[in-house]
Amino acid sequence: MNAKADRISGIVSEDGQTVTDYAGNTLGPVVRSVPVKLATRSVIHGANMRAIRVRLDDGTEWHGRGSPGAAILLRKASAPARDRKPPKGKPHGDAM
């Protein structure tokens, strides 16, 4: 992969946990995946389109839209993913 590339293409794994290049090499794990609301059903993705964020081995994060088992075009993220805060009133972690 070119270190100065601004776009990377790959394939989202069937379980949606990793992204690989077309040669089968793992680019990195999916660190965030959230559903995307589509105005109409997509012929290719159906209703399973997701916004995906991937962290490569060098620590850079990339984002794109795709679905498990389909090709995806990733663009370099300008900022790291934010951790979501737990809902108010519910314990989290070891606190109970």
PDB file of N, CA and C in Angstrom:
ATOM      1  N   MET A   1       0.837  -1.178   0.000  1.00  0.00           N
ATOM      2  CA  MET A   1       0.000   0.000   0.000  1.00  0.00           C
ATOM      3  C   MET A   1       0.879   1.238   0.000  1.00  0.00           C
ATOM      4  N   ASN A   2       0.491   2.235  -0.742  1.00  0.00           N
ATOM      5  CA  ASN A   2       1.217   3.497  -0.809  1.00  0.00           C
ATOM      6  C   ASN A   2       0.915   4.315   0.445  1.00  0.00           C
ATOM      7  N   ALA A   3       1.974   4.724   1.173  1.00  0.00           N
ATOM      8  CA  ALA A   3       1.789   5.457   2.424  1.00  0.00           C
ATOM      9  C   ALA A   3       1.138   6.815   2.201  1.00  0.00           C
ATOM     10  N   LYS A   4       1.256   7.385   1.001  1.00  0.00           N
ATOM     11  CA  LYS A   4       0.678   8.691   0.725  1.00  0.00           C
ATOM     12  C   LYS A   4      -0.670   8.603   0.034  1.00  0.00           C
ATOM     13  N   ALA A   5      -1.206   7.413  -0.099  1.00  0.00           N
ATOM     14  CA  ALA A   5      -2.494   7.241  -0.773  1.00  0.00           C
ATOM     15  C   ALA A   5      -3.592   7.950   0.020  1.00  0.00           C
ATOM     16  N   ASP A   6      -4.543   8.545  -0.695  1.00  0.00           N
ATOM     17  CA  ASP A   6      -5.668   9.163  -0.002  1.00  0.00           C
ATOM     18  C   ASP A   6      -6.923   8.302  -0.082  1.00  0.00           C
ATOM     19  N   ARG A   7      -6.846   7.212  -0.848  1.00  0.00           N
ATOM     20  CA  ARG A   7      -7.948   6.246  -0.941  1.00  0.00           C
ATOM     21  C   ARG A   7      -7.394   4.839  -1.018  1.00  0.00           C
ATOM     22  N   ILE A   8      -8.106   3.903  -0.396  1.00  0.00           N
ATOM     23  CA  ILE A   8      -7.729   2.483  -0.428  1.00  0.00           C
ATOM     24  C   ILE A   8      -8.995   1.702  -0.747  1.00  0.00           C
ATOM     25  N   SER A   9      -8.905   0.740  -1.633  1.00  0.00           N
ATOM     26  CA  SER A   9     -10.060  -0.119  -1.895  1.00  0.00           C
ATOM     27  C   SER A   9      -9.795  -1.493  -1.288  1.00  0.00           C
ATOM     28  N   GLY A  10     -10.855  -2.134  -0.865  1.00  0.00           N
ATOM     29  CA  GLY A  10     -10.734  -3.444  -0.246  1.00  0.00           C
ATOM     30  C   GLY A  10     -12.076  -4.131  -0.176  1.00  0.00           C
ATOM     31  N   ILE A  11     -12.127  -5.183   0.622  1.00  0.00           N
ATOM     32  CA  ILE A  11     -13.344  -5.975   0.788  1.00  0.00           C
ATOM     33  C   ILE A  11     -13.609  -6.148   2.278  1.00  0.00           C
ATOM     34  N   VAL A  12     -14.839  -5.891   2.706  1.00  0.00           N
ATOM     35  CA  VAL A  12     -15.244  -6.100   4.090  1.00  0.00           C
ATOM     36  C   VAL A  12     -15.497  -7.596   4.268  1.00  0.00           C
ATOM     37  N   SER A  13     -14.978  -8.177   5.360  1.00  0.00           N
ATOM     38  CA  SER A  13     -15.179  -9.603   5.596  1.00  0.00           C
ATOM     39  C   SER A  13     -16.659  -9.912   5.800  1.00  0.00           C
ATOM     40  N   GLU A  14     -17.027 -11.169   5.622  1.00  0.00           N
ATOM     41  CA  GLU A  14     -18.424 -11.589   5.762  1.00  0.00           C
ATOM     42  C   GLU A  14     -18.972 -11.304   7.157  1.00  0.00           C
ATOM     43  N   ASP A  15     -18.116 -11.411   8.192  1.00  0.00           N
ATOM     44  CA  ASP A  15     -18.577 -11.135   9.551  1.00  0.00           C
ATOM     45  C   ASP A  15     -18.489  -9.648   9.901  1.00  0.00           C
ATOM     46  N   GLY A  16     -17.928  -8.825   9.007  1.00  0.00           N
ATOM     47  CA  GLY A  16     -17.851  -7.395   9.217  1.00  0.00           C
ATOM     48  C   GLY A  16     -16.796  -6.952  10.212  1.00  0.00           C
ATOM     49  N   GLN A  17     -15.853  -7.834  10.563  1.00  0.00           N
ATOM     50  CA  GLN A  17     -14.851  -7.519  11.582  1.00  0.00           C
ATOM     51  C   GLN A  17     -13.527  -7.012  11.025  1.00  0.00           C
ATOM     52  N   THR A  18     -13.202  -7.322   9.772  1.00  0.00           N
ATOM     53  CA  THR A  18     -11.935  -6.901   9.176  1.00  0.00           C
ATOM     54  C   THR A  18     -12.153  -6.446   7.736  1.00  0.00           C
ATOM     55  N   VAL A  19     -11.131  -5.755   7.211  1.00  0.00           N
ATOM     56  CA  VAL A  19     -11.129  -5.355   5.806  1.00  0.00           C
ATOM     57  C   VAL A  19      -9.835  -5.884   5.201  1.00  0.00           C
ATOM     58  N   THR A  20      -9.942  -6.504   4.019  1.00  0.00           N
ATOM     59  CA  THR A  20      -8.781  -7.048   3.335  1.00  0.00           C
ATOM     60  C   THR A  20      -8.624  -6.364   1.984  1.00  0.00           C
ATOM     61  N   ASP A  21      -7.400  -6.446   1.420  1.00  0.00           N
ATOM     62  CA  ASP A  21      -7.218  -5.936   0.057  1.00  0.00           C
ATOM     63  C   ASP A  21      -7.629  -7.036  -0.911  1.00  0.00           C
ATOM     64  N   TYR A  22      -7.548  -6.759  -2.198  1.00  0.00           N
ATOM     65  CA  TYR A  22      -8.024  -7.732  -3.183  1.00  0.00           C
ATOM     66  C   TYR A  22      -7.139  -8.970  -3.268  1.00  0.00           C
ATOM     67  N   ALA A  23      -5.895  -8.883  -2.765  1.00  0.00           N
ATOM     68  CA  ALA A  23      -4.999 -10.042  -2.750  1.00  0.00           C
ATOM     69  C   ALA A  23      -5.269 -10.942  -1.543  1.00  0.00           C
ATOM     70  N   GLY A  24      -6.110 -10.486  -0.606  1.00  0.00           N
ATOM     71  CA  GLY A  24      -6.438 -11.285   0.570  1.00  0.00           C
ATOM     72  C   GLY A  24      -5.660 -10.904   1.814  1.00  0.00           C
ATOM     73  N   ASN A  25      -4.804  -9.886   1.724  1.00  0.00           N
ATOM     74  CA  ASN A  25      -4.045  -9.434   2.889  1.00  0.00           C
ATOM     75  C   ASN A  25      -4.927  -8.564   3.770  1.00  0.00           C
ATOM     76  N   THR A  26      -4.864  -8.771   5.080  1.00  0.00           N
ATOM     77  CA  THR A  26      -5.677  -7.998   6.001  1.00  0.00           C
ATOM     78  C   THR A  26      -5.150  -6.577   6.103  1.00  0.00           C
ATOM     79  N   LEU A  27      -6.027  -5.596   5.856  1.00  0.00           N
ATOM     80  CA  LEU A  27      -5.652  -4.193   6.013  1.00  0.00           C
ATOM     81  C   LEU A  27      -5.743  -3.778   7.472  1.00  0.00           C
ATOM     82  N   GLY A  28      -6.766  -4.240   8.163  1.00  0.00           N
ATOM     83  CA  GLY A  28      -6.921  -3.908   9.572  1.00  0.00           C
ATOM     84  C   GLY A  28      -8.295  -4.280  10.087  1.00  0.00           C
ATOM     85  N   PRO A  29      -8.462  -4.171  11.415  1.00  0.00           N
ATOM     86  CA  PRO A  29      -9.757  -4.483  12.017  1.00  0.00           C
ATOM     87  C   PRO A  29     -10.719  -3.314  11.888  1.00  0.00           C
ATOM     88  N   VAL A  30     -11.994  -3.629  11.881  1.00  0.00           N
ATOM     89  CA  VAL A  30     -13.035  -2.605  11.892  1.00  0.00           C
ATOM     90  C   VAL A  30     -13.166  -2.137  13.337  1.00  0.00           C
ATOM     91  N   VAL A  31     -12.963  -0.832  13.580  1.00  0.00           N
ATOM     92  CA  VAL A  31     -13.049  -0.305  14.941  1.00  0.00           C
ATOM     93  C   VAL A  31     -14.405   0.321  15.223  1.00  0.00           C
ATOM     94  N   ARG A  32     -15.156   0.629  14.170  1.00  0.00           N
ATOM     95  CA  ARG A  32     -16.492   1.178  14.350  1.00  0.00           C
ATOM     96  C   ARG A  32     -17.335   0.844  13.130  1.00  0.00           C
ATOM     97  N   SER A  33     -18.567   0.444  13.364  1.00  0.00           N
ATOM     98  CA  SER A  33     -19.480   0.109  12.284  1.00  0.00           C
ATOM     99  C   SER A  33     -20.887   0.462  12.728  1.00  0.00           C
ATOM    100  N   VAL A  34     -21.493   1.416  12.038  1.00  0.00           N
ATOM    101  CA  VAL A  34     -22.844   1.844  12.391  1.00  0.00           C
ATOM    102  C   VAL A  34     -23.738   1.784  11.155  1.00  0.00           C
ATOM    103  N   PRO A  35     -25.012   1.441  11.329  1.00  0.00           N
ATOM    104  CA  PRO A  35     -25.926   1.379  10.184  1.00  0.00           C
ATOM    105  C   PRO A  35     -26.125   2.751   9.544  1.00  0.00           C
ATOM    106  N   VAL A  36     -26.297   2.761   8.234  1.00  0.00           N
ATOM    107  CA  VAL A  36     -26.576   3.984   7.485  1.00  0.00           C
ATOM    108  C   VAL A  36     -28.000   3.878   6.967  1.00  0.00           C
ATOM    109  N   LYS A  37     -28.789   4.906   7.192  1.00  0.00           N
ATOM    110  CA  LYS A  37     -30.168   4.904   6.717  1.00  0.00           C
ATOM    111  C   LYS A  37     -30.172   5.303   5.246  1.00  0.00           C
ATOM    112  N   LEU A  38     -30.677   4.432   4.403  1.00  0.00           N
ATOM    113  CA  LEU A  38     -30.769   4.693   2.970  1.00  0.00           C
ATOM    114  C   LEU A  38     -32.177   5.162   2.613  1.00  0.00           C
ATOM    115  N   ALA A  39     -32.258   6.083   1.662  1.00  0.00           N
ATOM    116  CA  ALA A  39     -33.571   6.556   1.215  1.00  0.00           C
ATOM    117  C   ALA A  39     -34.341   5.429   0.527  1.00  0.00           C
ATOM    118  N   THR A  40     -33.632   4.594  -0.228  1.00  0.00           N
ATOM    119  CA  THR A  40     -34.237   3.430  -0.877  1.00  0.00           C
ATOM    120  C   THR A  40     -33.297   2.247  -0.706  1.00  0.00           C
ATOM    121  N   ARG A  41     -33.819   1.045  -0.833  1.00  0.00           N
ATOM    122  CA  ARG A  41     -32.982  -0.150  -0.737  1.00  0.00           C
ATOM    123  C   ARG A  41     -31.986  -0.173  -1.879  1.00  0.00           C
ATOM    124  N   SER A  42     -30.762  -0.534  -1.567  1.00  0.00           N
ATOM    125  CA  SER A  42     -29.725  -0.649  -2.580  1.00  0.00           C
ATOM    126  C   SER A  42     -29.780  -2.043  -3.196  1.00  0.00           C
ATOM    127  N   VAL A  43     -29.583  -2.141  -4.492  1.00  0.00           N
ATOM    128  CA  VAL A  43     -29.569  -3.438  -5.167  1.00  0.00           C
ATOM    129  C   VAL A  43     -28.395  -4.280  -4.670  1.00  0.00           C
ATOM    130  N   ILE A  44     -27.246  -3.661  -4.481  1.00  0.00           N
ATOM    131  CA  ILE A  44     -26.041  -4.379  -4.057  1.00  0.00           C
ATOM    132  C   ILE A  44     -26.029  -4.625  -2.554  1.00  0.00           C
ATOM    133  N   HIS A  45     -26.326  -3.602  -1.766  1.00  0.00           N
ATOM    134  CA  HIS A  45     -26.182  -3.699  -0.319  1.00  0.00           C
ATOM    135  C   HIS A  45     -27.472  -4.045   0.409  1.00  0.00           C
ATOM    136  N   GLY A  46     -28.597  -3.982  -0.246  1.00  0.00           N
ATOM    137  CA  GLY A  46     -29.862  -4.229   0.426  1.00  0.00           C
ATOM    138  C   GLY A  46     -30.099  -3.172   1.481  1.00  0.00           C
ATOM    139  N   ALA A  47     -30.433  -3.591   2.678  1.00  0.00           N
ATOM    140  CA  ALA A  47     -30.649  -2.663   3.785  1.00  0.00           C
ATOM    141  C   ALA A  47     -29.482  -2.720   4.772  1.00  0.00           C
ATOM    142  N   ASN A  48     -28.373  -3.342   4.391  1.00  0.00           N
ATOM    143  CA  ASN A  48     -27.266  -3.574   5.310  1.00  0.00           C
ATOM    144  C   ASN A  48     -26.092  -2.616   5.125  1.00  0.00           C
ATOM    145  N   MET A  49     -26.290  -1.465   4.523  1.00  0.00           N
ATOM    146  CA  MET A  49     -25.210  -0.497   4.338  1.00  0.00           C
ATOM    147  C   MET A  49     -24.753   0.010   5.695  1.00  0.00           C
ATOM    148  N   ARG A  50     -23.427   0.109   5.871  1.00  0.00           N
ATOM    149  CA  ARG A  50     -22.866   0.543   7.143  1.00  0.00           C
ATOM    150  C   ARG A  50     -21.762   1.572   6.915  1.00  0.00           C
ATOM    151  N   ALA A  51     -21.618   2.502   7.849  1.00  0.00           N
ATOM    152  CA  ALA A  51     -20.477   3.410   7.877  1.00  0.00           C
ATOM    153  C   ALA A  51     -19.397   2.703   8.684  1.00  0.00           C
ATOM    154  N   ILE A  52     -18.246   2.484   8.064  1.00  0.00           N
ATOM    155  CA  ILE A  52     -17.198   1.646   8.668  1.00  0.00           C
ATOM    156  C   ILE A  52     -15.930   2.461   8.868  1.00  0.00           C
ATOM    157  N   ARG A  53     -15.271   2.242  10.002  1.00  0.00           N
ATOM    158  CA  ARG A  53     -13.979   2.863  10.294  1.00  0.00           C
ATOM    159  C   ARG A  53     -12.982   1.738  10.584  1.00  0.00           C
ATOM    160  N   VAL A  54     -11.821   1.808   9.922  1.00  0.00           N
ATOM    161  CA  VAL A  54     -10.802   0.759  10.003  1.00  0.00           C
ATOM    162  C   VAL A  54      -9.505   1.373  10.514  1.00  0.00           C
ATOM    163  N   ARG A  55      -8.805   0.664  11.409  1.00  0.00           N
ATOM    164  CA  ARG A  55      -7.494   1.105  11.882  1.00  0.00           C
ATOM    165  C   ARG A  55      -6.428   0.186  11.275  1.00  0.00           C
ATOM    166  N   LEU A  56      -5.530   0.771  10.477  1.00  0.00           N
ATOM    167  CA  LEU A  56      -4.457   0.002   9.848  1.00  0.00           C
ATOM    168  C   LEU A  56      -3.329  -0.271  10.837  1.00  0.00           C
ATOM    169  N   ASP A  57      -2.388  -1.127  10.432  1.00  0.00           N
ATOM    170  CA  ASP A  57      -1.272  -1.493  11.305  1.00  0.00           C
ATOM    171  C   ASP A  57      -0.425  -0.295  11.722  1.00  0.00           C
ATOM    172  N   ASP A  58      -0.346   0.740  10.875  1.00  0.00           N
ATOM    173  CA  ASP A  58       0.461   1.914  11.209  1.00  0.00           C
ATOM    174  C   ASP A  58      -0.278   2.894  12.127  1.00  0.00           C
ATOM    175  N   GLY A  59      -1.514   2.563  12.520  1.00  0.00           N
ATOM    176  CA  GLY A  59      -2.283   3.384  13.445  1.00  0.00           C
ATOM    177  C   GLY A  59      -3.205   4.391  12.795  1.00  0.00           C
ATOM    178  N   THR A  60      -3.114   4.573  11.478  1.00  0.00           N
ATOM    179  CA  THR A  60      -3.994   5.523  10.807  1.00  0.00           C
ATOM    180  C   THR A  60      -5.396   4.938  10.685  1.00  0.00           C
ATOM    181  N   GLU A  61      -6.389   5.805  10.714  1.00  0.00           N
ATOM    182  CA  GLU A  61      -7.776   5.363  10.586  1.00  0.00           C
ATOM    183  C   GLU A  61      -8.341   5.802   9.248  1.00  0.00           C
ATOM    184  N   TRP A  62      -9.155   4.928   8.669  1.00  0.00           N
ATOM    185  CA  TRP A  62      -9.765   5.142   7.364  1.00  0.00           C
ATOM    186  C   TRP A  62     -11.253   4.877   7.500  1.00  0.00           C
ATOM    187  N   HIS A  63     -12.077   5.553   6.695  1.00  0.00           N
ATOM    188  CA  HIS A  63     -13.520   5.362   6.786  1.00  0.00           C
ATOM    189  C   HIS A  63     -14.137   5.223   5.400  1.00  0.00           C
ATOM    190  N   GLY A  64     -15.305   4.586   5.365  1.00  0.00           N
ATOM    191  CA  GLY A  64     -16.039   4.417   4.123  1.00  0.00           C
ATOM    192  C   GLY A  64     -17.395   3.796   4.405  1.00  0.00           C
ATOM    193  N   ARG A  65     -18.148   3.568   3.340  1.00  0.00           N
ATOM    194  CA  ARG A  65     -19.459   2.927   3.464  1.00  0.00           C
ATOM    195  C   ARG A  65     -19.464   1.638   2.677  1.00  0.00           C
ATOM    196  N   GLY A  66     -20.018   0.606   3.271  1.00  0.00           N
ATOM    197  CA  GLY A  66     -20.088  -0.686   2.612  1.00  0.00           C
ATOM    198  C   GLY A  66     -20.934  -1.639   3.428  1.00  0.00           C
ATOM    199  N   SER A  67     -20.916  -2.881   3.028  1.00  0.00           N
ATOM    200  CA  SER A  67     -21.645  -3.909   3.759  1.00  0.00           C
ATOM    201  C   SER A  67     -20.784  -5.165   3.807  1.00  0.00           C
ATOM    202  N   PRO A  68     -21.041  -6.058   4.781  1.00  0.00           N
ATOM    203  CA  PRO A  68     -20.249  -7.281   4.889  1.00  0.00           C
ATOM    204  C   PRO A  68     -20.237  -8.070   3.582  1.00  0.00           C
ATOM    205  N   GLY A  69     -19.039  -8.470   3.160  1.00  0.00           N
ATOM    206  CA  GLY A  69     -18.877  -9.255   1.944  1.00  0.00           C
ATOM    207  C   GLY A  69     -18.767  -8.438   0.676  1.00  0.00           C
ATOM    208  N   ALA A  70     -18.846  -7.116   0.766  1.00  0.00           N
ATOM    209  CA  ALA A  70     -18.823  -6.265  -0.421  1.00  0.00           C
ATOM    210  C   ALA A  70     -17.555  -5.412  -0.465  1.00  0.00           C
ATOM    211  N   ALA A  71     -17.268  -4.892  -1.648  1.00  0.00           N
ATOM    212  CA  ALA A  71     -16.118  -4.004  -1.816  1.00  0.00           C
ATOM    213  C   ALA A  71     -16.393  -2.677  -1.127  1.00  0.00           C
ATOM    214  N   ILE A  72     -15.307  -2.006  -0.709  1.00  0.00           N
ATOM    215  CA  ILE A  72     -15.431  -0.735  -0.022  1.00  0.00           C
ATOM    216  C   ILE A  72     -14.293   0.182  -0.459  1.00  0.00           C
ATOM    217  N   LEU A  73     -14.573   1.458  -0.569  1.00  0.00           N
ATOM    218  CA  LEU A  73     -13.560   2.460  -0.849  1.00  0.00           C
ATOM    219  C   LEU A  73     -13.353   3.247   0.439  1.00  0.00           C
ATOM    220  N   LEU A  74     -12.140   3.197   0.976  1.00  0.00           N
ATOM    221  CA  LEU A  74     -11.819   3.867   2.230  1.00  0.00           C
ATOM    222  C   LEU A  74     -11.081   5.165   1.954  1.00  0.00           C
ATOM    223  N   ARG A  75     -11.400   6.185   2.730  1.00  0.00           N
ATOM    224  CA  ARG A  75     -10.704   7.470   2.671  1.00  0.00           C
ATOM    225  C   ARG A  75     -10.053   7.708   4.019  1.00  0.00           C
ATOM    226  N   LYS A  76      -8.913   8.385   4.017  1.00  0.00           N
ATOM    227  CA  LYS A  76      -8.185   8.634   5.255  1.00  0.00           C
ATOM    228  C   LYS A  76      -9.012   9.551   6.162  1.00  0.00           C
ATOM    229  N   ALA A  77      -9.136   9.149   7.432  1.00  0.00           N
ATOM    230  CA  ALA A  77      -9.886   9.938   8.409  1.00  0.00           C
ATOM    231  C   ALA A  77      -9.025  11.083   8.913  1.00  0.00           C
ATOM    232  N   SER A  78      -9.638  12.242   9.110  1.00  0.00           N
ATOM    233  CA  SER A  78      -8.879  13.404   9.567  1.00  0.00           C
ATOM    234  C   SER A  78      -8.691  13.400  11.081  1.00  0.00           C
ATOM    235  N   ALA A  79      -9.540  12.674  11.809  1.00  0.00           N
ATOM    236  CA  ALA A  79      -9.435  12.601  13.261  1.00  0.00           C
ATOM    237  C   ALA A  79      -9.751  11.184  13.721  1.00  0.00           C
ATOM    238  N   PRO A  80      -9.181  10.749  14.852  1.00  0.00           N
ATOM    239  CA  PRO A  80      -9.478   9.406  15.347  1.00  0.00           C
ATOM    240  C   PRO A  80     -10.928   9.288  15.811  1.00  0.00           C
ATOM    241  N   ALA A  81     -11.427   8.068  15.850  1.00  0.00           N
ATOM    242  CA  ALA A  81     -12.807   7.819  16.271  1.00  0.00           C
ATOM    243  C   ALA A  81     -12.984   8.211  17.729  1.00  0.00           C
ATOM    244  N   ARG A  82     -14.143   8.779  18.027  1.00  0.00           N
ATOM    245  CA  ARG A  82     -14.447   9.145  19.408  1.00  0.00           C
ATOM    246  C   ARG A  82     -15.145   7.986  20.080  1.00  0.00           C
ATOM    247  N   ASP A  83     -14.793   7.753  21.334  1.00  0.00           N
ATOM    248  CA  ASP A  83     -15.494   6.736  22.112  1.00  0.00           C
ATOM    249  C   ASP A  83     -16.819   7.315  22.572  1.00  0.00           C
ATOM    250  N   ARG A  84     -17.844   6.515  22.462  1.00  0.00           N
ATOM    251  CA  ARG A  84     -19.155   6.974  22.902  1.00  0.00           C
ATOM    252  C   ARG A  84     -19.262   6.847  24.413  1.00  0.00           C
ATOM    253  N   LYS A  85     -19.940   7.811  25.025  1.00  0.00           N
ATOM    254  CA  LYS A  85     -20.159   7.772  26.458  1.00  0.00           C
ATOM    255  C   LYS A  85     -21.312   6.821  26.747  1.00  0.00           C
ATOM    256  N   PRO A  86     -21.256   6.102  27.884  1.00  0.00           N
ATOM    257  CA  PRO A  86     -22.367   5.207  28.223  1.00  0.00           C
ATOM    258  C   PRO A  86     -23.618   6.018  28.552  1.00  0.00           C
ATOM    259  N   PRO A  87     -24.808   5.431  28.371  1.00  0.00           N
ATOM    260  CA  PRO A  87     -26.048   6.136  28.696  1.00  0.00           C
ATOM    261  C   PRO A  87     -26.095   6.504  30.169  1.00  0.00           C
ATOM    262  N   LYS A  88     -26.706   7.634  30.490  1.00  0.00           N
ATOM    263  CA  LYS A  88     -26.799   8.072  31.881  1.00  0.00           C
ATOM    264  C   LYS A  88     -27.666   7.113  32.688  1.00  0.00           C
ATOM    265  N   GLY A  89     -27.252   6.905  33.937  1.00  0.00           N
ATOM    266  CA  GLY A  89     -28.031   6.060  34.829  1.00  0.00           C
ATOM    267  C   GLY A  89     -27.727   4.579  34.722  1.00  0.00           C
ATOM    268  N   LYS A  90     -26.897   4.175  33.794  1.00  0.00           N
ATOM    269  CA  LYS A  90     -26.556   2.765  33.662  1.00  0.00           C
ATOM    270  C   LYS A  90     -25.098   2.563  34.031  1.00  0.00           C
ATOM    271  N   PRO A  91     -24.802   1.567  34.889  1.00  0.00           N
ATOM    272  CA  PRO A  91     -23.403   1.313  35.246  1.00  0.00           C
ATOM    273  C   PRO A  91     -22.630   0.765  34.056  1.00  0.00           C
ATOM    274  N   HIS A  92     -21.349   1.016  34.038  1.00  0.00           N
ATOM    275  CA  HIS A  92     -20.499   0.501  32.970  1.00  0.00           C
ATOM    276  C   HIS A  92     -19.176   0.041  33.552  1.00  0.00           C
ATOM    277  N   GLY A  93     -18.480  -0.772  32.819  1.00  0.00           N
ATOM    278  CA  GLY A  93     -17.182  -1.288  33.290  1.00  0.00           C
ATOM    279  C   GLY A  93     -17.358  -2.174  34.496  1.00  0.00           C
ATOM    280  N   ASP A  94     -16.496  -1.969  35.513  1.00  0.00           N
ATOM    281  CA  ASP A  94     -16.547  -2.786  36.716  1.00  0.00           C
ATOM    282  C   ASP A  94     -17.488  -2.215  37.778  1.00  0.00           C
ATOM    283  N   ALA A  95     -17.983  -1.000  37.563  1.00  0.00           N
ATOM    284  CA  ALA A  95     -18.863  -0.381  38.546  1.00  0.00           C
ATOM    285  C   ALA A  95     -20.245  -1.026  38.507  1.00  0.00           C
ATOM    286  N   MET A  96     -20.701  -1.516  39.629  1.00  0.00           N
ATOM    287  CA  MET A  96     -22.037  -2.113  39.694  1.00  0.00           C
ATOM    288  C   MET A  96     -22.677  -1.801  41.007  1.00  0.00           C
TER     289      MET A  96
END
